[in-house]
Protein backbone atom coordinates (compact mmCIF):
# COMPACT_ATOMS: atom_id res chain seq x y z
CA MET A 1 -13.07 8.85 -12.02
CA SER A 2 -12.42 8.56 -8.29
CA LEU A 3 -9.77 6.25 -6.86
CA TYR A 4 -12.64 4.08 -5.64
CA ASP A 5 -13.67 3.36 -9.25
CA ILE A 6 -10.34 2.06 -10.56
CA PRO A 7 -10.61 -1.68 -11.23
CA LEU A 8 -8.27 -3.86 -9.18
CA ARG A 9 -7.77 -7.57 -8.61
CA THR A 10 -7.14 -9.32 -5.33
CA LEU A 11 -4.06 -11.48 -4.96
CA ALA A 12 -6.38 -14.42 -5.68
CA GLY A 13 -7.35 -12.80 -9.00
CA GLU A 14 -10.86 -11.71 -8.03
CA PRO A 15 -12.14 -8.36 -9.35
CA THR A 16 -12.40 -5.65 -6.71
CA SER A 17 -11.80 -1.94 -6.15
CA LEU A 18 -11.00 0.46 -3.36
CA ALA A 19 -14.78 0.97 -3.04
CA ASP A 20 -14.76 -2.13 -0.83
CA HIS A 21 -12.87 0.02 1.70
CA LYS A 22 -14.81 3.28 1.26
CA GLY A 23 -15.16 5.21 4.49
CA LYS A 24 -11.84 3.96 5.90
CA ALA A 25 -8.46 5.61 6.07
CA LEU A 26 -6.18 3.53 3.82
CA LEU A 27 -2.42 3.06 3.61
CA LEU A 28 -1.53 1.78 0.13
CA VAL A 29 1.94 0.27 -0.10
CA ASN A 30 3.88 -1.35 -2.95
CA VAL A 31 5.41 -4.41 -1.33
CA ALA A 32 8.05 -7.05 -2.12
CA SER A 33 9.14 -10.25 -0.41
CA LYS A 34 12.88 -10.22 -1.18
CA CYS A 35 13.85 -6.63 -0.41
CA GLY A 36 16.01 -5.15 2.32
CA LEU A 37 12.87 -3.27 3.38
CA THR A 38 10.69 -6.41 3.53
CA PRO A 39 10.77 -6.38 7.38
CA GLN A 40 8.47 -3.33 7.08
CA TYR A 41 5.69 -5.92 6.69
CA ALA A 42 5.90 -6.35 10.47
CA GLY A 43 5.26 -2.65 11.10
CA LEU A 44 2.48 -2.56 8.53
CA GLU A 45 0.78 -5.49 10.25
CA ARG A 46 1.13 -3.80 13.65
CA LEU A 47 -0.58 -0.69 12.20
CA GLN A 48 -3.32 -2.94 10.83
CA GLN A 49 -3.86 -4.55 14.22
CA ARG A 50 -3.69 -1.24 16.08
CA TYR A 51 -6.15 0.72 13.94
CA ALA A 52 -8.37 -1.79 12.09
CA ASP A 53 -11.23 -1.38 14.55
CA ARG A 54 -11.04 2.42 14.14
CA GLY A 55 -11.71 2.50 10.40
CA PHE A 56 -8.25 1.89 8.93
CA THR A 57 -6.62 -0.72 6.76
CA VAL A 58 -3.32 -1.32 5.02
CA LEU A 59 -3.52 -2.45 1.39
CA GLY A 60 -0.50 -4.21 -0.14
CA PHE A 61 0.36 -4.13 -3.84
CA PRO A 62 3.16 -6.56 -4.74
CA CYS A 63 5.53 -5.19 -7.38
CA ASN A 64 8.48 -6.83 -9.13
CA GLN A 65 9.88 -3.68 -10.78
CA PHE A 66 12.73 -3.05 -8.36
CA LEU A 67 15.55 -5.53 -9.04
CA GLY A 68 13.05 -8.41 -9.33
CA GLN A 69 12.45 -8.42 -5.59
CA GLU A 70 8.93 -9.86 -5.87
CA PRO A 71 9.40 -12.85 -8.21
CA GLY A 72 6.85 -15.15 -6.59
CA SER A 73 3.47 -16.34 -7.76
CA ALA A 74 0.33 -15.11 -6.02
CA GLU A 75 0.31 -18.26 -3.90
CA GLU A 76 3.98 -17.85 -2.95
CA ILE A 77 3.43 -14.20 -2.01
CA GLN A 78 0.39 -15.06 0.14
CA THR A 79 2.21 -17.90 1.89
CA PHE A 80 5.31 -15.80 2.54
CA CYS A 81 3.32 -12.86 3.92
CA SER A 82 1.07 -14.93 6.16
CA THR A 83 3.68 -17.33 7.52
CA THR A 84 6.61 -14.92 7.87
CA TYR A 85 4.83 -11.75 9.00
CA GLY A 86 1.29 -12.84 9.89
CA VAL A 87 -0.11 -10.39 7.35
CA SER A 88 -3.86 -10.03 7.73
CA PHE A 89 -4.41 -6.96 5.55
CA PRO A 90 -5.57 -7.33 1.93
CA LEU A 91 -3.04 -8.00 -0.80
CA PHE A 92 -3.67 -7.33 -4.47
CA GLU A 93 -2.34 -8.78 -7.70
CA LYS A 94 1.23 -8.01 -8.68
CA ILE A 95 1.34 -4.72 -10.61
CA ASP A 96 3.71 -2.16 -12.10
CA VAL A 97 3.90 1.10 -10.16
CA ASN A 98 6.15 2.95 -12.64
CA GLY A 99 6.69 3.08 -16.40
CA GLU A 100 4.41 2.68 -19.38
CA ASP A 101 2.58 -0.28 -17.82
CA ARG A 102 2.01 1.55 -14.53
CA HIS A 103 -1.31 0.54 -13.01
CA PRO A 104 -3.93 3.34 -13.27
CA LEU A 105 -4.18 3.49 -9.47
CA PHE A 106 -0.46 4.25 -9.14
CA ALA A 107 -0.64 6.68 -12.07
CA ARG A 108 -2.96 8.73 -9.88
CA LEU A 109 -1.11 8.17 -6.61
CA THR A 110 2.25 9.26 -8.04
CA GLU A 111 0.77 12.66 -8.97
CA VAL A 112 0.86 13.46 -5.24
CA ALA A 113 3.96 15.04 -3.73
CA ASP A 114 5.76 13.79 -0.65
CA ALA A 115 6.64 15.98 2.37
CA GLU A 116 9.52 17.54 0.43
CA GLY A 117 7.18 18.52 -2.42
CA THR A 118 8.36 15.85 -4.88
CA ALA A 119 5.81 13.93 -6.93
CA GLY A 120 6.52 11.38 -9.65
CA ASP A 121 7.72 7.82 -9.77
CA VAL A 122 7.71 5.45 -6.83
CA GLN A 123 11.33 5.31 -5.62
CA TRP A 124 11.46 1.71 -4.39
CA ASN A 125 9.49 -1.01 -2.64
CA PHE A 126 7.44 0.04 0.41
CA GLU A 127 6.47 3.54 -0.69
CA LYS A 128 3.32 4.46 1.24
CA PHE A 129 0.29 6.53 0.23
CA LEU A 130 -2.30 7.57 2.83
CA LEU A 131 -5.91 8.07 1.77
CA SER A 132 -8.52 9.82 3.86
CA ALA A 133 -11.87 8.17 4.57
CA ASP A 134 -13.33 10.07 1.62
CA GLY A 135 -10.68 8.80 -0.80
CA ALA A 136 -8.36 11.81 -1.05
CA VAL A 137 -4.60 11.20 -1.08
CA VAL A 138 -3.42 13.06 2.02
CA GLY A 139 0.09 11.72 2.53
CA ARG A 140 3.01 10.12 0.76
CA PHE A 141 5.88 8.50 2.60
CA ARG A 142 9.01 7.30 0.85
CA PRO A 143 10.29 3.72 1.18
CA ARG A 144 12.81 4.28 3.97
CA THR A 145 10.17 5.88 6.20
CA ALA A 146 9.20 3.11 8.61
CA PRO A 147 5.48 2.30 8.80
CA GLU A 148 5.44 3.18 12.51
CA ALA A 149 7.46 6.39 12.17
CA ASP A 150 5.96 9.24 14.19
CA GLU A 151 4.93 11.18 11.08
CA VAL A 152 3.12 8.17 9.57
CA VAL A 153 1.29 7.33 12.81
CA ALA A 154 0.28 10.98 13.32
CA ALA A 155 -1.01 11.20 9.74
CA ILE A 156 -3.00 7.96 10.13
CA GLU A 157 -4.50 9.08 13.43
CA ALA A 158 -5.54 12.39 11.87
CA GLN A 159 -7.50 10.49 9.21
CA LEU A 160 -9.26 7.88 11.33
CA PRO A 161 -13.00 8.19 10.77
CA ALA A 162 -14.02 6.42 13.99
């Protein structure tokens, strides 16, 4: 099964999948509203604005596994993201990214190693996974790597289909 085939739900609870974004470079990020790294939403939104018309989108996956830093309901998450950071990129339902209830998408993503060669569990909120336009995982950036860090921007630009 390709990553495009894994069933997902939007933040509003509607069924979807990554197939809706096929042909684009994608940056998948587990996000949280009450984390020290939450200001990364601003950088993620700037990437969205900068590259959306070139075949790129950020996809946010709220997760409450790290010290309960995403306690809100879907409506609270949407309101926080749109009013605080002007988030325009798609957000999905709250999921687990680690452990026995890990979402199948993150089960596949966490098989990929980061730049240091380490695969496995997501370390914290705002871990980033870059997918090529054909759905291959081509990059993994740990939480403390800023969305607009040179290595992230260079990796995104290398994957832009348009």
